PDB file of N, CA and C in Angstrom:
ATOM      1  N   UNK A   1      13.230  -8.678 -10.975  1.00  0.00           N
ATOM      2  CA  UNK A   1      12.117  -7.803 -11.261  1.00  0.00           C
ATOM      3  C   UNK A   1      12.625  -6.685 -12.174  1.00  0.00           C
ATOM      4  N   UNK A   2      11.775  -6.224 -13.038  1.00  0.00           N
ATOM      5  CA  UNK A   2      12.112  -5.115 -13.930  1.00  0.00           C
ATOM      6  C   UNK A   2      11.700  -3.797 -13.276  1.00  0.00           C
ATOM      7  N   UNK A   3      12.414  -2.741 -13.601  1.00  0.00           N
ATOM      8  CA  UNK A   3      12.102  -1.425 -13.040  1.00  0.00           C
ATOM      9  C   UNK A   3      10.682  -1.005 -13.409  1.00  0.00           C
ATOM     10  N   UNK A   4      10.208  -1.405 -14.572  1.00  0.00           N
ATOM     11  CA  UNK A   4       8.854  -1.058 -15.009  1.00  0.00           C
ATOM     12  C   UNK A   4       7.788  -1.657 -14.099  1.00  0.00           C
ATOM     13  N   UNK A   5       8.101  -2.767 -13.412  1.00  0.00           N
ATOM     14  CA  UNK A   5       7.141  -3.449 -12.557  1.00  0.00           C
ATOM     15  C   UNK A   5       7.341  -3.145 -11.077  1.00  0.00           C
ATOM     16  N   UNK A   6       8.308  -2.320 -10.745  1.00  0.00           N
ATOM     17  CA  UNK A   6       8.652  -2.044  -9.347  1.00  0.00           C
ATOM     18  C   UNK A   6       7.568  -1.196  -8.674  1.00  0.00           C
ATOM     19  N   UNK A   7       7.329  -1.452  -7.397  1.00  0.00           N
ATOM     20  CA  UNK A   7       6.345  -0.643  -6.670  1.00  0.00           C
ATOM     21  C   UNK A   7       6.872   0.760  -6.379  1.00  0.00           C
ATOM     22  N   UNK A   8       5.963   1.693  -6.227  1.00  0.00           N
ATOM     23  CA  UNK A   8       6.326   3.081  -5.938  1.00  0.00           C
ATOM     24  C   UNK A   8       6.914   3.164  -4.531  1.00  0.00           C
ATOM     25  N   UNK A   9       7.970   3.957  -4.386  1.00  0.00           N
ATOM     26  CA  UNK A   9       8.662   4.252  -3.130  1.00  0.00           C
ATOM     27  C   UNK A   9       9.418   3.079  -2.510  1.00  0.00           C
ATOM     28  N   UNK A  10       9.628   1.999  -3.231  1.00  0.00           N
ATOM     29  CA  UNK A  10      10.421   0.888  -2.711  1.00  0.00           C
ATOM     30  C   UNK A  10      11.906   1.185  -2.910  1.00  0.00           C
ATOM     31  N   UNK A  11      12.731   0.817  -1.925  1.00  0.00           N
ATOM     32  CA  UNK A  11      14.183   0.976  -2.041  1.00  0.00           C
ATOM     33  C   UNK A  11      14.716  -0.155  -2.917  1.00  0.00           C
ATOM     34  N   UNK A  12      15.302   0.197  -4.046  1.00  0.00           N
ATOM     35  CA  UNK A  12      15.762  -0.778  -5.025  1.00  0.00           C
ATOM     36  C   UNK A  12      17.230  -0.559  -5.357  1.00  0.00           C
ATOM     37  N   UNK A  13      17.825  -1.574  -5.968  1.00  0.00           N
ATOM     38  CA  UNK A  13      19.194  -1.475  -6.445  1.00  0.00           C
ATOM     39  C   UNK A  13      19.244  -2.059  -7.858  1.00  0.00           C
ATOM     40  N   UNK A  14      19.938  -1.382  -8.770  1.00  0.00           N
ATOM     41  CA  UNK A  14      20.055  -1.846 -10.144  1.00  0.00           C
ATOM     42  C   UNK A  14      20.947  -3.085 -10.182  1.00  0.00           C
ATOM     43  N   UNK A  15      20.461  -4.148 -10.834  1.00  0.00           N
ATOM     44  CA  UNK A  15      21.259  -5.350 -11.040  1.00  0.00           C
ATOM     45  C   UNK A  15      22.007  -5.278 -12.365  1.00  0.00           C
ATOM     46  N   UNK A  16      21.259  -4.981 -13.441  1.00  0.00           N
ATOM     47  CA  UNK A  16      21.869  -4.872 -14.762  1.00  0.00           C
ATOM     48  C   UNK A  16      20.920  -4.158 -15.721  1.00  0.00           C
ATOM     49  N   UNK A  17      21.498  -3.699 -16.814  1.00  0.00           N
ATOM     50  CA  UNK A  17      20.727  -3.129 -17.906  1.00  0.00           C
ATOM     51  C   UNK A  17      20.929  -4.050 -19.095  1.00  0.00           C
ATOM     52  N   UNK A  18      19.844  -4.499 -19.714  1.00  0.00           N
ATOM     53  CA  UNK A  18      19.949  -5.394 -20.861  1.00  0.00           C
ATOM     54  C   UNK A  18      20.814  -4.756 -21.930  1.00  0.00           C
ATOM     55  N   UNK A  19      21.793  -5.500 -22.390  1.00  0.00           N
ATOM     56  CA  UNK A  19      22.755  -4.965 -23.363  1.00  0.00           C
ATOM     57  C   UNK A  19      22.278  -5.227 -24.788  1.00  0.00           C
ATOM     58  N   UNK A  20      22.926  -4.544 -25.712  1.00  0.00           N
ATOM     59  CA  UNK A  20      22.681  -4.841 -27.112  1.00  0.00           C
ATOM     60  C   UNK A  20      22.026  -3.740 -27.914  1.00  0.00           C
ATOM     61  N   UNK A  21      21.733  -2.609 -27.317  1.00  0.00           N
ATOM     62  CA  UNK A  21      21.116  -1.538 -28.094  1.00  0.00           C
ATOM     63  C   UNK A  21      21.685  -0.188 -27.675  1.00  0.00           C
ATOM     64  N   UNK A  22      21.489   0.779 -28.509  1.00  0.00           N
ATOM     65  CA  UNK A  22      21.935   2.138 -28.195  1.00  0.00           C
ATOM     66  C   UNK A  22      21.150   2.687 -27.003  1.00  0.00           C
ATOM     67  N   UNK A  23      19.918   2.252 -26.856  1.00  0.00           N
ATOM     68  CA  UNK A  23      19.096   2.697 -25.734  1.00  0.00           C
ATOM     69  C   UNK A  23      19.670   2.213 -24.402  1.00  0.00           C
ATOM     70  N   UNK A  24      20.109   0.971 -24.345  1.00  0.00           N
ATOM     71  CA  UNK A  24      20.687   0.466 -23.099  1.00  0.00           C
ATOM     72  C   UNK A  24      21.981   1.197 -22.760  1.00  0.00           C
ATOM     73  N   UNK A  25      22.755   1.543 -23.766  1.00  0.00           N
ATOM     74  CA  UNK A  25      23.968   2.331 -23.537  1.00  0.00           C
ATOM     75  C   UNK A  25      23.612   3.698 -22.990  1.00  0.00           C
ATOM     76  N   UNK A  26      22.584   4.309 -23.519  1.00  0.00           N
ATOM     77  CA  UNK A  26      22.147   5.629 -23.053  1.00  0.00           C
ATOM     78  C   UNK A  26      21.645   5.569 -21.614  1.00  0.00           C
ATOM     79  N   UNK A  27      20.930   4.519 -21.258  1.00  0.00           N
ATOM     80  CA  UNK A  27      20.457   4.368 -19.887  1.00  0.00           C
ATOM     81  C   UNK A  27      21.634   4.262 -18.919  1.00  0.00           C
ATOM     82  N   UNK A  28      22.669   3.539 -19.312  1.00  0.00           N
ATOM     83  CA  UNK A  28      23.852   3.426 -18.458  1.00  0.00           C
ATOM     84  C   UNK A  28      24.590   4.753 -18.357  1.00  0.00           C
ATOM     85  N   UNK A  29      24.602   5.533 -19.429  1.00  0.00           N
ATOM     86  CA  UNK A  29      25.217   6.861 -19.395  1.00  0.00           C
ATOM     87  C   UNK A  29      24.469   7.796 -18.454  1.00  0.00           C
ATOM     88  N   UNK A  30      23.155   7.577 -18.301  1.00  0.00           N
ATOM     89  CA  UNK A  30      22.354   8.405 -17.405  1.00  0.00           C
ATOM     90  C   UNK A  30      22.512   7.987 -15.948  1.00  0.00           C
ATOM     91  N   UNK A  31      23.238   6.900 -15.680  1.00  0.00           N
ATOM     92  CA  UNK A  31      23.516   6.509 -14.308  1.00  0.00           C
ATOM     93  C   UNK A  31      22.904   5.202 -13.866  1.00  0.00           C
ATOM     94  N   UNK A  32      22.159   4.544 -14.721  1.00  0.00           N
ATOM     95  CA  UNK A  32      21.556   3.261 -14.360  1.00  0.00           C
ATOM     96  C   UNK A  32      22.572   2.144 -14.582  1.00  0.00           C
ATOM     97  N   UNK A  33      23.479   2.001 -13.624  1.00  0.00           N
ATOM     98  CA  UNK A  33      24.512   0.962 -13.694  1.00  0.00           C
ATOM     99  C   UNK A  33      24.364   0.051 -12.475  1.00  0.00           C
ATOM    100  N   UNK A  34      24.950  -1.125 -12.558  1.00  0.00           N
ATOM    101  CA  UNK A  34      24.829  -2.123 -11.483  1.00  0.00           C
ATOM    102  C   UNK A  34      25.268  -1.540 -10.143  1.00  0.00           C
ATOM    103  N   UNK A  35      24.444  -1.775  -9.120  1.00  0.00           N
ATOM    104  CA  UNK A  35      24.753  -1.335  -7.772  1.00  0.00           C
ATOM    105  C   UNK A  35      24.199   0.024  -7.391  1.00  0.00           C
ATOM    106  N   UNK A  36      23.641   0.749  -8.325  1.00  0.00           N
ATOM    107  CA  UNK A  36      23.120   2.085  -8.053  1.00  0.00           C
ATOM    108  C   UNK A  36      21.755   2.004  -7.364  1.00  0.00           C
ATOM    109  N   UNK A  37      21.576   2.711  -6.254  1.00  0.00           N
ATOM    110  CA  UNK A  37      20.249   2.733  -5.618  1.00  0.00           C
ATOM    111  C   UNK A  37      19.272   3.558  -6.454  1.00  0.00           C
ATOM    112  N   UNK A  38      18.041   3.082  -6.548  1.00  0.00           N
ATOM    113  CA  UNK A  38      17.028   3.739  -7.372  1.00  0.00           C
ATOM    114  C   UNK A  38      15.678   3.586  -6.681  1.00  0.00           C
ATOM    115  N   UNK A  39      14.769   4.532  -6.959  1.00  0.00           N
ATOM    116  CA  UNK A  39      13.431   4.516  -6.368  1.00  0.00           C
ATOM    117  C   UNK A  39      12.444   5.060  -7.382  1.00  0.00           C
ATOM    118  N   UNK A  40      11.339   4.360  -7.575  1.00  0.00           N
ATOM    119  CA  UNK A  40      10.261   4.850  -8.438  1.00  0.00           C
ATOM    120  C   UNK A  40       9.438   5.817  -7.606  1.00  0.00           C
ATOM    121  N   UNK A  41       9.415   7.081  -8.010  1.00  0.00           N
ATOM    122  CA  UNK A  41       8.705   8.118  -7.261  1.00  0.00           C
ATOM    123  C   UNK A  41       7.233   8.158  -7.642  1.00  0.00           C
ATOM    124  N   UNK A  42       6.934   7.943  -8.917  1.00  0.00           N
ATOM    125  CA  UNK A  42       5.553   7.997  -9.360  1.00  0.00           C
ATOM    126  C   UNK A  42       5.387   7.388 -10.737  1.00  0.00           C
ATOM    127  N   UNK A  43       4.140   7.182 -11.113  1.00  0.00           N
ATOM    128  CA  UNK A  43       3.798   6.615 -12.418  1.00  0.00           C
ATOM    129  C   UNK A  43       2.710   7.468 -13.061  1.00  0.00           C
ATOM    130  N   UNK A  44       2.854   7.698 -14.343  1.00  0.00           N
ATOM    131  CA  UNK A  44       1.809   8.384 -15.085  1.00  0.00           C
ATOM    132  C   UNK A  44       0.652   7.407 -15.305  1.00  0.00           C
ATOM    133  N   UNK A  45      -0.562   7.902 -15.355  1.00  0.00           N
ATOM    134  CA  UNK A  45      -1.707   7.007 -15.542  1.00  0.00           C
ATOM    135  C   UNK A  45      -1.739   6.387 -16.938  1.00  0.00           C
ATOM    136  N   UNK A  46      -2.479   5.289 -17.043  1.00  0.00           N
ATOM    137  CA  UNK A  46      -2.725   4.608 -18.315  1.00  0.00           C
ATOM    138  C   UNK A  46      -1.452   4.106 -18.985  1.00  0.00           C
ATOM    139  N   UNK A  47      -0.520   3.580 -18.201  1.00  0.00           N
ATOM    140  CA  UNK A  47       0.692   2.984 -18.772  1.00  0.00           C
ATOM    141  C   UNK A  47       1.712   3.987 -19.255  1.00  0.00           C
ATOM    142  N   UNK A  48       1.706   5.176 -18.689  1.00  0.00           N
ATOM    143  CA  UNK A  48       2.634   6.222 -19.103  1.00  0.00           C
ATOM    144  C   UNK A  48       3.996   6.070 -18.467  1.00  0.00           C
ATOM    145  N   UNK A  49       4.725   7.158 -18.416  1.00  0.00           N
ATOM    146  CA  UNK A  49       6.111   7.171 -17.956  1.00  0.00           C
ATOM    147  C   UNK A  49       6.229   6.957 -16.449  1.00  0.00           C
ATOM    148  N   UNK A  50       7.449   6.582 -16.034  1.00  0.00           N
ATOM    149  CA  UNK A  50       7.789   6.438 -14.627  1.00  0.00           C
ATOM    150  C   UNK A  50       8.696   7.590 -14.225  1.00  0.00           C
ATOM    151  N   UNK A  51       8.480   8.121 -13.033  1.00  0.00           N
ATOM    152  CA  UNK A  51       9.366   9.140 -12.471  1.00  0.00           C
ATOM    153  C   UNK A  51      10.294   8.399 -11.528  1.00  0.00           C
ATOM    154  N   UNK A  52      11.603   8.432 -11.835  1.00  0.00           N
ATOM    155  CA  UNK A  52      12.600   7.644 -11.109  1.00  0.00           C
ATOM    156  C   UNK A  52      13.597   8.572 -10.440  1.00  0.00           C
ATOM    157  N   UNK A  53      13.893   8.297  -9.166  1.00  0.00           N
ATOM    158  CA  UNK A  53      14.908   9.034  -8.413  1.00  0.00           C
ATOM    159  C   UNK A  53      16.145   8.158  -8.334  1.00  0.00           C
ATOM    160  N   UNK A  54      17.261   8.693  -8.805  1.00  0.00           N
ATOM    161  CA  UNK A  54      18.504   7.936  -8.911  1.00  0.00           C
ATOM    162  C   UNK A  54      19.614   8.809  -8.358  1.00  0.00           C
ATOM    163  N   UNK A  55      20.043   8.523  -7.125  1.00  0.00           N
ATOM    164  CA  UNK A  55      20.995   9.383  -6.403  1.00  0.00           C
ATOM    165  C   UNK A  55      20.391  10.781  -6.318  1.00  0.00           C
ATOM    166  N   UNK A  56      21.008  11.785  -6.915  1.00  0.00           N
ATOM    167  CA  UNK A  56      20.462  13.145  -6.914  1.00  0.00           C
ATOM    168  C   UNK A  56      19.882  13.514  -8.271  1.00  0.00           C
ATOM    169  N   UNK A  57      19.529  12.530  -9.062  1.00  0.00           N
ATOM    170  CA  UNK A  57      19.021  12.743 -10.406  1.00  0.00           C
ATOM    171  C   UNK A  57      17.582  12.250 -10.501  1.00  0.00           C
ATOM    172  N   UNK A  58      16.762  12.986 -11.203  1.00  0.00           N
ATOM    173  CA  UNK A  58      15.382  12.587 -11.452  1.00  0.00           C
ATOM    174  C   UNK A  58      15.238  12.297 -12.941  1.00  0.00           C
ATOM    175  N   UNK A  59      14.700  11.131 -13.265  1.00  0.00           N
ATOM    176  CA  UNK A  59      14.514  10.723 -14.654  1.00  0.00           C
ATOM    177  C   UNK A  59      13.050  10.402 -14.906  1.00  0.00           C
ATOM    178  N   UNK A  60      12.621  10.644 -16.130  1.00  0.00           N
ATOM    179  CA  UNK A  60      11.321  10.170 -16.587  1.00  0.00           C
ATOM    180  C   UNK A  60      11.610   9.128 -17.659  1.00  0.00           C
ATOM    181  N   UNK A  61      11.175   7.904 -17.423  1.00  0.00           N
ATOM    182  CA  UNK A  61      11.450   6.805 -18.345  1.00  0.00           C
ATOM    183  C   UNK A  61      10.155   6.218 -18.878  1.00  0.00           C
ATOM    184  N   UNK A  62      10.142   5.912 -20.168  1.00  0.00           N
ATOM    185  CA  UNK A  62       9.013   5.168 -20.719  1.00  0.00           C
ATOM    186  C   UNK A  62       9.030   3.769 -20.107  1.00  0.00           C
ATOM    187  N   UNK A  63       7.897   3.128 -20.081  1.00  0.00           N
ATOM    188  CA  UNK A  63       7.846   1.772 -19.521  1.00  0.00           C
ATOM    189  C   UNK A  63       8.701   0.809 -20.336  1.00  0.00           C
ATOM    190  N   UNK A  64       8.797   1.007 -21.644  1.00  0.00           N
ATOM    191  CA  UNK A  64       9.647   0.136 -22.470  1.00  0.00           C
ATOM    192  C   UNK A  64      11.120   0.311 -22.107  1.00  0.00           C
ATOM    193  N   UNK A  65      11.512   1.525 -21.753  1.00  0.00           N
ATOM    194  CA  UNK A  65      12.892   1.769 -21.321  1.00  0.00           C
ATOM    195  C   UNK A  65      13.132   1.159 -19.947  1.00  0.00           C
ATOM    196  N   UNK A  66      12.185   1.323 -19.038  1.00  0.00           N
ATOM    197  CA  UNK A  66      12.325   0.791 -17.690  1.00  0.00           C
ATOM    198  C   UNK A  66      12.332  -0.738 -17.682  1.00  0.00           C
ATOM    199  N   UNK A  67      11.733  -1.339 -18.696  1.00  0.00           N
ATOM    200  CA  UNK A  67      11.722  -2.813 -18.783  1.00  0.00           C
ATOM    201  C   UNK A  67      13.099  -3.373 -19.096  1.00  0.00           C
ATOM    202  N   UNK A  68      14.021  -2.561 -19.562  1.00  0.00           N
ATOM    203  CA  UNK A  68      15.389  -3.007 -19.844  1.00  0.00           C
ATOM    204  C   UNK A  68      16.251  -3.065 -18.591  1.00  0.00           C
ATOM    205  N   UNK A  69      15.761  -2.518 -17.473  1.00  0.00           N
ATOM    206  CA  UNK A  69      16.551  -2.408 -16.252  1.00  0.00           C
ATOM    207  C   UNK A  69      16.063  -3.438 -15.224  1.00  0.00           C
ATOM    208  N   UNK A  70      16.966  -4.332 -14.814  1.00  0.00           N
ATOM    209  CA  UNK A  70      16.655  -5.323 -13.768  1.00  0.00           C
ATOM    210  C   UNK A  70      17.043  -4.738 -12.415  1.00  0.00           C
ATOM    211  N   UNK A  71      16.146  -4.868 -11.443  1.00  0.00           N
ATOM    212  CA  UNK A  71      16.389  -4.337 -10.100  1.00  0.00           C
ATOM    213  C   UNK A  71      16.074  -5.385  -9.047  1.00  0.00           C
ATOM    214  N   UNK A  72      16.567  -5.149  -7.845  1.00  0.00           N
ATOM    215  CA  UNK A  72      16.263  -5.992  -6.705  1.00  0.00           C
ATOM    216  C   UNK A  72      16.025  -5.101  -5.502  1.00  0.00           C
ATOM    217  N   UNK A  73      15.302  -5.606  -4.518  1.00  0.00           N
ATOM    218  CA  UNK A  73      15.080  -4.846  -3.291  1.00  0.00           C
ATOM    219  C   UNK A  73      16.399  -4.731  -2.540  1.00  0.00           C
ATOM    220  N   UNK A  74      16.655  -3.532  -1.977  1.00  0.00           N
ATOM    221  CA  UNK A  74      17.919  -3.358  -1.258  1.00  0.00           C
ATOM    222  C   UNK A  74      17.702  -3.255   0.223  1.00  0.00           C
TER     223      UNK A  74
END
């Protein structure tokens, strides 16, 4: 499942970030690496950004950015 499609408040774990772009490198620098627990806190209406809780960090990601991150239920 992609992070962009994950349900709100579900306990998730990052599997991988799609490689090959500067954006994927930046996402990994922000802490989205394999094995990291993550939770979607909220979604903006009309296909807007996702509010993601990652350890003690809060991120706002566009849906296109979140689609690069594969997650699984933990």
